[in-house]
Full PDB file with SEQRES, HELIX, SHEET, SSBOND, CRYST1, ORIGX, SCALE, CONECT and MASTER records, all heavy atoms in Angstrom:
SEQRES   1 A   36  ILE GLN PHE TRP ASN LYS LEU TRP PRO PHE GLY LYS ASP          
SEQRES   2 A   36  GLY SER GLN ILE VAL ILE LYS LYS PRO VAL PHE GLU MET          
SEQRES   3 A   36  TRP PHE HIS VAL ILE VAL SER CYS LEU PRO                      
HELIX    1 AA1 TRP A    4  LEU A    7  1                                   4    
HELIX    2 AA2 LYS A   21  CYS A   34  1                                  14    
SHEET    1 AA1 2 PHE A  10  ASP A  13  0                                        
SHEET    2 AA1 2 GLN A  16  ILE A  19 -1                                        
CRYST1    1.000    1.000    1.000  90.00  90.00  90.00 P 1           1          
ORIGX1      1.000000  0.000000  0.000000        0.00000                         
ORIGX2      0.000000  1.000000  0.000000        0.00000                         
ORIGX3      0.000000  0.000000  1.000000        0.00000                         
SCALE1      1.000000  0.000000  0.000000        0.00000                         
SCALE2      0.000000  1.000000  0.000000        0.00000                         
SCALE3      0.000000  0.000000  1.000000        0.00000                         
ATOM      1  N   ILE A   1     -12.512 -10.270  -1.770  1.00  0.00           N  
ATOM      2  CA  ILE A   1     -13.929 -10.325  -2.144  1.00  0.00           C  
ATOM      3  C   ILE A   1     -14.821  -9.838  -0.998  1.00  0.00           C  
ATOM      4  O   ILE A   1     -15.746  -9.036  -1.212  1.00  0.00           O  
ATOM      5  CB  ILE A   1     -14.327 -11.755  -2.562  1.00  0.00           C  
ATOM      6  CG1 ILE A   1     -13.600 -12.145  -3.857  1.00  0.00           C  
ATOM      7  CG2 ILE A   1     -15.835 -11.859  -2.769  1.00  0.00           C  
ATOM      8  CD1 ILE A   1     -13.843 -13.574  -4.292  1.00  0.00           C  
ATOM      9  N   GLN A   2     -14.525 -10.302   0.231  1.00  0.00           N  
ATOM     10  CA  GLN A   2     -15.379  -9.913   1.367  1.00  0.00           C  
ATOM     11  C   GLN A   2     -15.319  -8.421   1.664  1.00  0.00           C  
ATOM     12  O   GLN A   2     -16.311  -7.815   2.065  1.00  0.00           O  
ATOM     13  CB  GLN A   2     -14.988 -10.716   2.615  1.00  0.00           C  
ATOM     14  CG  GLN A   2     -15.483 -12.148   2.600  1.00  0.00           C  
ATOM     15  CD  GLN A   2     -15.528 -12.754   3.998  1.00  0.00           C  
ATOM     16  OE1 GLN A   2     -15.836 -12.079   4.974  1.00  0.00           O  
ATOM     17  NE2 GLN A   2     -15.234 -14.040   4.085  1.00  0.00           N  
ATOM     18  N   PHE A   3     -14.132  -7.825   1.494  1.00  0.00           N  
ATOM     19  CA  PHE A   3     -13.957  -6.409   1.844  1.00  0.00           C  
ATOM     20  C   PHE A   3     -13.799  -5.528   0.605  1.00  0.00           C  
ATOM     21  O   PHE A   3     -13.227  -4.444   0.687  1.00  0.00           O  
ATOM     22  CB  PHE A   3     -12.735  -6.246   2.757  1.00  0.00           C  
ATOM     23  CG  PHE A   3     -12.893  -6.874   4.113  1.00  0.00           C  
ATOM     24  CD1 PHE A   3     -12.417  -8.152   4.361  1.00  0.00           C  
ATOM     25  CD2 PHE A   3     -13.529  -6.198   5.150  1.00  0.00           C  
ATOM     26  CE1 PHE A   3     -12.553  -8.746   5.611  1.00  0.00           C  
ATOM     27  CE2 PHE A   3     -13.676  -6.779   6.399  1.00  0.00           C  
ATOM     28  CZ  PHE A   3     -13.192  -8.059   6.624  1.00  0.00           C  
ATOM     29  N   TRP A   4     -14.299  -6.002  -0.529  1.00  0.00           N  
ATOM     30  CA  TRP A   4     -14.073  -5.305  -1.795  1.00  0.00           C  
ATOM     31  C   TRP A   4     -14.476  -3.826  -1.733  1.00  0.00           C  
ATOM     32  O   TRP A   4     -13.728  -2.951  -2.170  1.00  0.00           O  
ATOM     33  CB  TRP A   4     -14.848  -5.998  -2.921  1.00  0.00           C  
ATOM     34  CG  TRP A   4     -14.705  -5.317  -4.248  1.00  0.00           C  
ATOM     35  CD1 TRP A   4     -15.626  -4.539  -4.891  1.00  0.00           C  
ATOM     36  CD2 TRP A   4     -13.547  -5.350  -5.099  1.00  0.00           C  
ATOM     37  NE1 TRP A   4     -15.131  -4.092  -6.093  1.00  0.00           N  
ATOM     38  CE2 TRP A   4     -13.854  -4.568  -6.247  1.00  0.00           C  
ATOM     39  CE3 TRP A   4     -12.303  -5.952  -5.006  1.00  0.00           C  
ATOM     40  CZ2 TRP A   4     -12.943  -4.382  -7.288  1.00  0.00           C  
ATOM     41  CZ3 TRP A   4     -11.390  -5.771  -6.055  1.00  0.00           C  
ATOM     42  CH2 TRP A   4     -11.709  -4.989  -7.174  1.00  0.00           C  
ATOM     43  N   ASN A   5     -15.628  -3.539  -1.193  1.00  0.00           N  
ATOM     44  CA  ASN A   5     -16.098  -2.148  -1.147  1.00  0.00           C  
ATOM     45  C   ASN A   5     -15.196  -1.259  -0.295  1.00  0.00           C  
ATOM     46  O   ASN A   5     -15.129  -0.042  -0.520  1.00  0.00           O  
ATOM     47  CB  ASN A   5     -17.528  -2.091  -0.604  1.00  0.00           C  
ATOM     48  CG  ASN A   5     -18.535  -2.651  -1.591  1.00  0.00           C  
ATOM     49  OD1 ASN A   5     -18.316  -2.622  -2.796  1.00  0.00           O  
ATOM     50  ND2 ASN A   5     -19.638  -3.188  -1.078  1.00  0.00           N  
ATOM     51  N   LYS A   6     -14.529  -1.851   0.672  1.00  0.00           N  
ATOM     52  CA  LYS A   6     -13.631  -1.073   1.532  1.00  0.00           C  
ATOM     53  C   LYS A   6     -12.201  -1.028   0.978  1.00  0.00           C  
ATOM     54  O   LYS A   6     -11.396  -0.213   1.427  1.00  0.00           O  
ATOM     55  CB  LYS A   6     -13.601  -1.675   2.942  1.00  0.00           C  
ATOM     56  CG  LYS A   6     -14.931  -1.562   3.669  1.00  0.00           C  
ATOM     57  CD  LYS A   6     -14.824  -2.100   5.086  1.00  0.00           C  
ATOM     58  CE  LYS A   6     -16.125  -1.933   5.846  1.00  0.00           C  
ATOM     59  NZ  LYS A   6     -16.025  -2.441   7.242  1.00  0.00           N  
ATOM     60  N   LEU A   7     -11.896  -1.897   0.014  1.00  0.00           N  
ATOM     61  CA  LEU A   7     -10.542  -1.983  -0.533  1.00  0.00           C  
ATOM     62  C   LEU A   7     -10.410  -1.292  -1.889  1.00  0.00           C  
ATOM     63  O   LEU A   7      -9.344  -0.756  -2.200  1.00  0.00           O  
ATOM     64  CB  LEU A   7     -10.124  -3.454  -0.688  1.00  0.00           C  
ATOM     65  CG  LEU A   7      -9.939  -4.259   0.600  1.00  0.00           C  
ATOM     66  CD1 LEU A   7      -9.686  -5.726   0.269  1.00  0.00           C  
ATOM     67  CD2 LEU A   7      -8.789  -3.708   1.425  1.00  0.00           C  
ATOM     68  N   TRP A   8     -11.470  -1.297  -2.675  1.00  0.00           N  
ATOM     69  CA  TRP A   8     -11.413  -0.717  -4.019  1.00  0.00           C  
ATOM     70  C   TRP A   8     -11.587   0.799  -3.933  1.00  0.00           C  
ATOM     71  O   TRP A   8     -12.589   1.289  -3.425  1.00  0.00           O  
ATOM     72  CB  TRP A   8     -12.502  -1.325  -4.903  1.00  0.00           C  
ATOM     73  CG  TRP A   8     -12.426  -0.906  -6.337  1.00  0.00           C  
ATOM     74  CD1 TRP A   8     -13.372  -0.206  -7.034  1.00  0.00           C  
ATOM     75  CD2 TRP A   8     -11.367  -1.150  -7.261  1.00  0.00           C  
ATOM     76  NE1 TRP A   8     -12.973   0.002  -8.328  1.00  0.00           N  
ATOM     77  CE2 TRP A   8     -11.730  -0.574  -8.497  1.00  0.00           C  
ATOM     78  CE3 TRP A   8     -10.139  -1.807  -7.164  1.00  0.00           C  
ATOM     79  CZ2 TRP A   8     -10.909  -0.624  -9.629  1.00  0.00           C  
ATOM     80  CZ3 TRP A   8      -9.320  -1.869  -8.287  1.00  0.00           C  
ATOM     81  CH2 TRP A   8      -9.709  -1.288  -9.495  1.00  0.00           C  
ATOM     82  N   PRO A   9     -10.588   1.569  -4.398  1.00  0.00           N  
ATOM     83  CA  PRO A   9     -10.600   3.028  -4.183  1.00  0.00           C  
ATOM     84  C   PRO A   9     -11.431   3.827  -5.179  1.00  0.00           C  
ATOM     85  O   PRO A   9     -11.367   5.053  -5.170  1.00  0.00           O  
ATOM     86  CB  PRO A   9      -9.113   3.389  -4.315  1.00  0.00           C  
ATOM     87  CG  PRO A   9      -8.575   2.372  -5.265  1.00  0.00           C  
ATOM     88  CD  PRO A   9      -9.343   1.116  -5.010  1.00  0.00           C  
ATOM     89  N   PHE A  10     -12.176   3.146  -6.032  1.00  0.00           N  
ATOM     90  CA  PHE A  10     -12.997   3.860  -7.014  1.00  0.00           C  
ATOM     91  C   PHE A  10     -14.472   3.484  -6.831  1.00  0.00           C  
ATOM     92  O   PHE A  10     -14.800   2.359  -6.474  1.00  0.00           O  
ATOM     93  CB  PHE A  10     -12.558   3.525  -8.439  1.00  0.00           C  
ATOM     94  CG  PHE A  10     -11.115   3.852  -8.717  1.00  0.00           C  
ATOM     95  CD1 PHE A  10     -10.163   2.843  -8.736  1.00  0.00           C  
ATOM     96  CD2 PHE A  10     -10.712   5.154  -8.950  1.00  0.00           C  
ATOM     97  CE1 PHE A  10      -8.838   3.130  -8.979  1.00  0.00           C  
ATOM     98  CE2 PHE A  10      -9.382   5.458  -9.187  1.00  0.00           C  
ATOM     99  CZ  PHE A  10      -8.434   4.442  -9.208  1.00  0.00           C  
ATOM    100  N   GLY A  11     -15.327   4.438  -7.100  1.00  0.00           N  
ATOM    101  CA  GLY A  11     -16.755   4.196  -7.013  1.00  0.00           C  
ATOM    102  C   GLY A  11     -17.471   4.921  -8.137  1.00  0.00           C  
ATOM    103  O   GLY A  11     -16.833   5.489  -9.037  1.00  0.00           O  
ATOM    104  N   LYS A  12     -18.790   4.898  -8.105  1.00  0.00           N  
ATOM    105  CA  LYS A  12     -19.572   5.547  -9.150  1.00  0.00           C  
ATOM    106  C   LYS A  12     -20.591   6.496  -8.534  1.00  0.00           C  
ATOM    107  O   LYS A  12     -21.227   6.186  -7.541  1.00  0.00           O  
ATOM    108  CB  LYS A  12     -20.289   4.499 -10.007  1.00  0.00           C  
ATOM    109  CG  LYS A  12     -19.466   3.991 -11.177  1.00  0.00           C  
ATOM    110  CD  LYS A  12     -20.334   3.189 -12.138  1.00  0.00           C  
ATOM    111  CE  LYS A  12     -19.549   2.845 -13.397  1.00  0.00           C  
ATOM    112  NZ  LYS A  12     -20.395   2.133 -14.396  1.00  0.00           N  
ATOM    113  N   ASP A  13     -20.693   7.652  -9.132  1.00  0.00           N  
ATOM    114  CA  ASP A  13     -21.722   8.610  -8.766  1.00  0.00           C  
ATOM    115  C   ASP A  13     -22.523   8.887 -10.034  1.00  0.00           C  
ATOM    116  O   ASP A  13     -22.150   9.732 -10.847  1.00  0.00           O  
ATOM    117  CB  ASP A  13     -21.084   9.887  -8.226  1.00  0.00           C  
ATOM    118  CG  ASP A  13     -22.118  10.886  -7.741  1.00  0.00           C  
ATOM    119  OD1 ASP A  13     -23.314  10.522  -7.717  1.00  0.00           O  
ATOM    120  OD2 ASP A  13     -21.739  12.023  -7.404  1.00  0.00           O  
ATOM    121  N   GLY A  14     -23.595   8.103 -10.198  1.00  0.00           N  
ATOM    122  CA  GLY A  14     -24.319   8.157 -11.464  1.00  0.00           C  
ATOM    123  C   GLY A  14     -23.493   7.494 -12.556  1.00  0.00           C  
ATOM    124  O   GLY A  14     -23.130   6.332 -12.468  1.00  0.00           O  
ATOM    125  N   SER A  15     -23.142   8.274 -13.565  1.00  0.00           N  
ATOM    126  CA  SER A  15     -22.325   7.750 -14.662  1.00  0.00           C  
ATOM    127  C   SER A  15     -20.850   8.105 -14.495  1.00  0.00           C  
ATOM    128  O   SER A  15     -20.015   7.704 -15.295  1.00  0.00           O  
ATOM    129  CB  SER A  15     -22.831   8.295 -16.002  1.00  0.00           C  
ATOM    130  OG  SER A  15     -22.765   9.723 -16.007  1.00  0.00           O  
ATOM    131  N   GLN A  16     -20.537   8.859 -13.435  1.00  0.00           N  
ATOM    132  CA  GLN A  16     -19.161   9.307 -13.227  1.00  0.00           C  
ATOM    133  C   GLN A  16     -18.418   8.402 -12.252  1.00  0.00           C  
ATOM    134  O   GLN A  16     -18.987   7.903 -11.278  1.00  0.00           O  
ATOM    135  CB  GLN A  16     -19.142  10.741 -12.688  1.00  0.00           C  
ATOM    136  CG  GLN A  16     -19.555  11.792 -13.709  1.00  0.00           C  
ATOM    137  CD  GLN A  16     -19.354  13.192 -13.151  1.00  0.00           C  
ATOM    138  OE1 GLN A  16     -19.516  13.418 -11.955  1.00  0.00           O  
ATOM    139  NE2 GLN A  16     -18.992  14.139 -14.018  1.00  0.00           N  
ATOM    140  N   ILE A  17     -17.131   8.203 -12.544  1.00  0.00           N  
ATOM    141  CA  ILE A  17     -16.260   7.439 -11.647  1.00  0.00           C  
ATOM    142  C   ILE A  17     -15.669   8.402 -10.626  1.00  0.00           C  
ATOM    143  O   ILE A  17     -15.139   9.463 -10.988  1.00  0.00           O  
ATOM    144  CB  ILE A  17     -15.131   6.741 -12.432  1.00  0.00           C  
ATOM    145  CG1 ILE A  17     -15.710   5.681 -13.357  1.00  0.00           C  
ATOM    146  CG2 ILE A  17     -14.135   6.089 -11.470  1.00  0.00           C  
ATOM    147  CD1 ILE A  17     -14.694   4.999 -14.240  1.00  0.00           C  
ATOM    148  N   VAL A  18     -15.808   8.088  -9.362  1.00  0.00           N  
ATOM    149  CA  VAL A  18     -15.286   8.949  -8.300  1.00  0.00           C  
ATOM    150  C   VAL A  18     -14.202   8.215  -7.518  1.00  0.00           C  
ATOM    151  O   VAL A  18     -14.166   6.987  -7.478  1.00  0.00           O  
ATOM    152  CB  VAL A  18     -16.414   9.378  -7.325  1.00  0.00           C  
ATOM    153  CG1 VAL A  18     -17.432  10.229  -8.051  1.00  0.00           C  
ATOM    154  CG2 VAL A  18     -17.080   8.159  -6.701  1.00  0.00           C  
ATOM    155  N   ILE A  19     -13.311   8.996  -6.939  1.00  0.00           N  
ATOM    156  CA  ILE A  19     -12.215   8.437  -6.131  1.00  0.00           C  
ATOM    157  C   ILE A  19     -12.610   8.486  -4.663  1.00  0.00           C  
ATOM    158  O   ILE A  19     -13.043   9.535  -4.163  1.00  0.00           O  
ATOM    159  CB  ILE A  19     -10.915   9.231  -6.349  1.00  0.00           C  
ATOM    160  CG1 ILE A  19     -10.444   9.078  -7.798  1.00  0.00           C  
ATOM    161  CG2 ILE A  19      -9.824   8.759  -5.389  1.00  0.00           C  
ATOM    162  CD1 ILE A  19      -9.248   9.942  -8.135  1.00  0.00           C  
ATOM    163  N   LYS A  20     -12.472   7.361  -3.991  1.00  0.00           N  
ATOM    164  CA  LYS A  20     -12.758   7.308  -2.561  1.00  0.00           C  
ATOM    165  C   LYS A  20     -11.477   7.688  -1.808  1.00  0.00           C  
ATOM    166  O   LYS A  20     -10.589   6.864  -1.614  1.00  0.00           O  
ATOM    167  CB  LYS A  20     -13.196   5.906  -2.146  1.00  0.00           C  
ATOM    168  CG  LYS A  20     -14.427   5.377  -2.869  1.00  0.00           C  
ATOM    169  CD  LYS A  20     -14.705   3.942  -2.448  1.00  0.00           C  
ATOM    170  CE  LYS A  20     -15.816   3.311  -3.233  1.00  0.00           C  
ATOM    171  NZ  LYS A  20     -15.984   1.872  -2.873  1.00  0.00           N  
ATOM    172  N   LYS A  21     -11.395   8.946  -1.398  1.00  0.00           N  
ATOM    173  CA  LYS A  21     -10.190   9.451  -0.768  1.00  0.00           C  
ATOM    174  C   LYS A  21      -9.779   8.672   0.479  1.00  0.00           C  
ATOM    175  O   LYS A  21      -8.593   8.340   0.639  1.00  0.00           O  
ATOM    176  CB  LYS A  21     -10.361  10.932  -0.419  1.00  0.00           C  
ATOM    177  CG  LYS A  21      -9.081  11.577   0.101  1.00  0.00           C  
ATOM    178  CD  LYS A  21      -9.310  13.051   0.392  1.00  0.00           C  
ATOM    179  CE  LYS A  21      -8.041  13.664   0.990  1.00  0.00           C  
ATOM    180  NZ  LYS A  21      -8.256  15.106   1.327  1.00  0.00           N  
ATOM    181  N   PRO A  22     -10.714   8.326   1.387  1.00  0.00           N  
ATOM    182  CA  PRO A  22     -10.326   7.563   2.585  1.00  0.00           C  
ATOM    183  C   PRO A  22      -9.702   6.205   2.249  1.00  0.00           C  
ATOM    184  O   PRO A  22      -8.803   5.744   2.962  1.00  0.00           O  
ATOM    185  CB  PRO A  22     -11.647   7.389   3.342  1.00  0.00           C  
ATOM    186  CG  PRO A  22     -12.506   8.512   2.885  1.00  0.00           C  
ATOM    187  CD  PRO A  22     -12.152   8.710   1.444  1.00  0.00           C  
ATOM    188  N   VAL A  23     -10.174   5.579   1.163  1.00  0.00           N  
ATOM    189  CA  VAL A  23      -9.616   4.282   0.781  1.00  0.00           C  
ATOM    190  C   VAL A  23      -8.197   4.458   0.262  1.00  0.00           C  
ATOM    191  O   VAL A  23      -7.305   3.655   0.581  1.00  0.00           O  
ATOM    192  CB  VAL A  23     -10.501   3.595  -0.289  1.00  0.00           C  
ATOM    193  CG1 VAL A  23      -9.896   2.261  -0.710  1.00  0.00           C  
ATOM    194  CG2 VAL A  23     -11.916   3.379   0.249  1.00  0.00           C  
ATOM    195  N   PHE A  24      -7.956   5.504  -0.524  1.00  0.00           N  
ATOM    196  CA  PHE A  24      -6.598   5.790  -0.997  1.00  0.00           C  
ATOM    197  C   PHE A  24      -5.665   6.047   0.178  1.00  0.00           C  
ATOM    198  O   PHE A  24      -4.534   5.555   0.212  1.00  0.00           O  
ATOM    199  CB  PHE A  24      -6.604   6.997  -1.945  1.00  0.00           C  
ATOM    200  CG  PHE A  24      -6.570   6.627  -3.394  1.00  0.00           C  
ATOM    201  CD1 PHE A  24      -7.693   6.795  -4.183  1.00  0.00           C  
ATOM    202  CD2 PHE A  24      -5.432   6.078  -3.971  1.00  0.00           C  
ATOM    203  CE1 PHE A  24      -7.683   6.438  -5.521  1.00  0.00           C  
ATOM    204  CE2 PHE A  24      -5.401   5.721  -5.311  1.00  0.00           C  
ATOM    205  CZ  PHE A  24      -6.529   5.908  -6.085  1.00  0.00           C  
ATOM    206  N   GLU A  25      -6.136   6.822   1.146  1.00  0.00           N  
ATOM    207  CA  GLU A  25      -5.322   7.105   2.331  1.00  0.00           C  
ATOM    208  C   GLU A  25      -5.017   5.826   3.093  1.00  0.00           C  
ATOM    209  O   GLU A  25      -3.901   5.639   3.588  1.00  0.00           O  
ATOM    210  CB  GLU A  25      -6.051   8.106   3.232  1.00  0.00           C  
ATOM    211  CG  GLU A  25      -6.134   9.500   2.647  1.00  0.00           C  
ATOM    212  CD  GLU A  25      -6.936  10.445   3.531  1.00  0.00           C  
ATOM    213  OE1 GLU A  25      -7.631   9.952   4.453  1.00  0.00           O  
ATOM    214  OE2 GLU A  25      -6.864  11.666   3.308  1.00  0.00           O  
ATOM    215  N   MET A  26      -6.009   4.942   3.179  1.00  0.00           N  
ATOM    216  CA  MET A  26      -5.792   3.669   3.858  1.00  0.00           C  
ATOM    217  C   MET A  26      -4.690   2.867   3.173  1.00  0.00           C  
ATOM    218  O   MET A  26      -3.829   2.282   3.823  1.00  0.00           O  
ATOM    219  CB  MET A  26      -7.104   2.874   3.887  1.00  0.00           C  
ATOM    220  CG  MET A  26      -7.033   1.523   4.611  1.00  0.00           C  
ATOM    221  SD  MET A  26      -6.521   0.147   3.551  1.00  0.00           S  
ATOM    222  CE  MET A  26      -7.911   0.029   2.448  1.00  0.00           C  
ATOM    223  N   TRP A  27      -4.698   2.848   1.832  1.00  0.00           N  
ATOM    224  CA  TRP A  27      -3.679   2.103   1.099  1.00  0.00           C  
ATOM    225  C   TRP A  27      -2.286   2.714   1.286  1.00  0.00           C  
ATOM    226  O   TRP A  27      -1.290   1.991   1.353  1.00  0.00           O  
ATOM    227  CB  TRP A  27      -4.035   2.042  -0.389  1.00  0.00           C  
ATOM    228  CG  TRP A  27      -5.009   0.950  -0.704  1.00  0.00           C  
ATOM    229  CD1 TRP A  27      -6.275   1.079  -1.184  1.00  0.00           C  
ATOM    230  CD2 TRP A  27      -4.804  -0.455  -0.526  1.00  0.00           C  
ATOM    231  NE1 TRP A  27      -6.876  -0.149  -1.326  1.00  0.00           N  
ATOM    232  CE2 TRP A  27      -5.990  -1.108  -0.936  1.00  0.00           C  
ATOM    233  CE3 TRP A  27      -3.732  -1.223  -0.069  1.00  0.00           C  
ATOM    234  CZ2 TRP A  27      -6.133  -2.498  -0.889  1.00  0.00           C  
ATOM    235  CZ3 TRP A  27      -3.870  -2.607  -0.024  1.00  0.00           C  
ATOM    236  CH2 TRP A  27      -5.060  -3.232  -0.432  1.00  0.00           C  
ATOM    237  N   PHE A  28      -2.206   4.034   1.404  1.00  0.00           N  
ATOM    238  CA  PHE A  28      -0.919   4.659   1.697  1.00  0.00           C  
ATOM    239  C   PHE A  28      -0.406   4.236   3.069  1.00  0.00           C  
ATOM    240  O   PHE A  28       0.789   4.000   3.270  1.00  0.00           O  
ATOM    241  CB  PHE A  28      -1.036   6.195   1.618  1.00  0.00           C  
ATOM    242  CG  PHE A  28      -1.127   6.729   0.217  1.00  0.00           C  
ATOM    243  CD1 PHE A  28      -2.088   7.671  -0.117  1.00  0.00           C  
ATOM    244  CD2 PHE A  28      -0.260   6.282  -0.768  1.00  0.00           C  
ATOM    245  CE1 PHE A  28      -2.193   8.161  -1.408  1.00  0.00           C  
ATOM    246  CE2 PHE A  28      -0.350   6.767  -2.066  1.00  0.00           C  
ATOM    247  CZ  PHE A  28      -1.318   7.717  -2.394  1.00  0.00           C  
ATOM    248  N   HIS A  29      -1.317   4.123   4.028  1.00  0.00           N  
ATOM    249  CA  HIS A  29      -0.940   3.653   5.370  1.00  0.00           C  
ATOM    250  C   HIS A  29      -0.477   2.198   5.316  1.00  0.00           C  
ATOM    251  O   HIS A  29       0.497   1.822   5.988  1.00  0.00           O  
ATOM    252  CB  HIS A  29      -2.136   3.792   6.328  1.00  0.00           C  
ATOM    253  CG  HIS A  29      -2.519   5.202   6.605  1.00  0.00           C  
ATOM    254  ND1 HIS A  29      -3.815   5.584   6.868  1.00  0.00           N  
ATOM    255  CD2 HIS A  29      -1.789   6.343   6.633  1.00  0.00           C  
ATOM    256  CE1 HIS A  29      -3.854   6.895   7.073  1.00  0.00           C  
ATOM    257  NE2 HIS A  29      -2.637   7.374   6.928  1.00  0.00           N  
ATOM    258  N   VAL A  30      -1.160   1.389   4.516  1.00  0.00           N  
ATOM    259  CA  VAL A  30      -0.767  -0.013   4.352  1.00  0.00           C  
ATOM    260  C   VAL A  30       0.639  -0.104   3.762  1.00  0.00           C  
ATOM    261  O   VAL A  30       1.458  -0.926   4.204  1.00  0.00           O  
ATOM    262  CB  VAL A  30      -1.781  -0.767   3.459  1.00  0.00           C  
ATOM    263  CG1 VAL A  30      -1.216  -2.112   2.995  1.00  0.00           C  
ATOM    264  CG2 VAL A  30      -3.092  -0.981   4.214  1.00  0.00           C  
ATOM    265  N   ILE A  31       0.933   0.737   2.782  1.00  0.00           N  
ATOM    266  CA  ILE A  31       2.272   0.749   2.173  1.00  0.00           C  
ATOM    267  C   ILE A  31       3.325   1.075   3.219  1.00  0.00           C  
ATOM    268  O   ILE A  31       4.388   0.447   3.274  1.00  0.00           O  
ATOM    269  CB  ILE A  31       2.325   1.764   1.010  1.00  0.00           C  
ATOM    270  CG1 ILE A  31       1.473   1.260  -0.158  1.00  0.00           C  
ATOM    271  CG2 ILE A  31       3.770   1.994   0.555  1.00  0.00           C  
ATOM    272  CD1 ILE A  31       1.271   2.276  -1.268  1.00  0.00           C  
ATOM    273  N   VAL A  32       3.030   2.062   4.073  1.00  0.00           N  
ATOM    274  CA  VAL A  32       3.967   2.426   5.145  1.00  0.00           C  
ATOM    275  C   VAL A  32       4.184   1.238   6.086  1.00  0.00           C  
ATOM    276  O   VAL A  32       5.307   0.961   6.509  1.00  0.00           O  
ATOM    277  CB  VAL A  32       3.451   3.647   5.928  1.00  0.00           C  
ATOM    278  CG1 VAL A  32       4.268   3.867   7.204  1.00  0.00           C  
ATOM    279  CG2 VAL A  32       3.510   4.897   5.052  1.00  0.00           C  
ATOM    280  N   SER A  33       3.115   0.511   6.391  1.00  0.00           N  
ATOM    281  CA  SER A  33       3.231  -0.664   7.258  1.00  0.00           C  
ATOM    282  C   SER A  33       4.068  -1.761   6.620  1.00  0.00           C  
ATOM    283  O   SER A  33       4.678  -2.579   7.320  1.00  0.00           O  
ATOM    284  CB  SER A  33       1.828  -1.223   7.582  1.00  0.00           C  
ATOM    285  OG  SER A  33       1.093  -0.343   8.392  1.00  0.00           O  
ATOM    286  N   CYS A  34       4.093  -1.802   5.302  1.00  0.00           N  
ATOM    287  CA  CYS A  34       4.860  -2.828   4.590  1.00  0.00           C  
ATOM    288  C   CYS A  34       6.350  -2.494   4.472  1.00  0.00           C  
ATOM    289  O   CYS A  34       7.169  -3.388   4.210  1.00  0.00           O  
ATOM    290  CB  CYS A  34       4.295  -3.033   3.185  1.00  0.00           C  
ATOM    291  SG  CYS A  34       2.674  -3.832   3.153  1.00  0.00           S  
ATOM    292  N   LEU A  35       6.702  -1.220   4.640  1.00  0.00           N  
ATOM    293  CA  LEU A  35       8.083  -0.786   4.416  1.00  0.00           C  
ATOM    294  C   LEU A  35       9.121  -1.535   5.257  1.00  0.00           C  
ATOM    295  O   LEU A  35      10.158  -1.945   4.731  1.00  0.00           O  
ATOM    296  CB  LEU A  35       8.206   0.726   4.646  1.00  0.00           C  
ATOM    297  CG  LEU A  35       7.562   1.617   3.570  1.00  0.00           C  
ATOM    298  CD1 LEU A  35       7.718   3.088   3.942  1.00  0.00           C  
ATOM    299  CD2 LEU A  35       8.194   1.349   2.210  1.00  0.00           C  
ATOM    300  N   PRO A  36       8.901  -1.728   6.571  1.00  0.00           N  
ATOM    301  CA  PRO A  36       9.913  -2.460   7.348  1.00  0.00           C  
ATOM    302  C   PRO A  36      10.192  -3.857   6.792  1.00  0.00           C  
ATOM    303  O   PRO A  36      11.365  -4.283   6.709  1.00  0.00           O  
ATOM    304  CB  PRO A  36       9.298  -2.526   8.752  1.00  0.00           C  
ATOM    305  CG  PRO A  36       8.411  -1.334   8.834  1.00  0.00           C  
ATOM    306  CD  PRO A  36       7.828  -1.207   7.456  1.00  0.00           C  
TER     307      PRO A  36                                                      
MASTER        0    0    0    2    2    0    0    6  306    1    0    3          
END                                                                             
């Protein structure tokens, strides 16, 4: 809840849903950190 805007990879630009690329990249890095 506290970091929702930084964790949720989707946003809105007017009526369109946009993908936050840096957030997606962050989640890929998190997945790599979880692998070990």
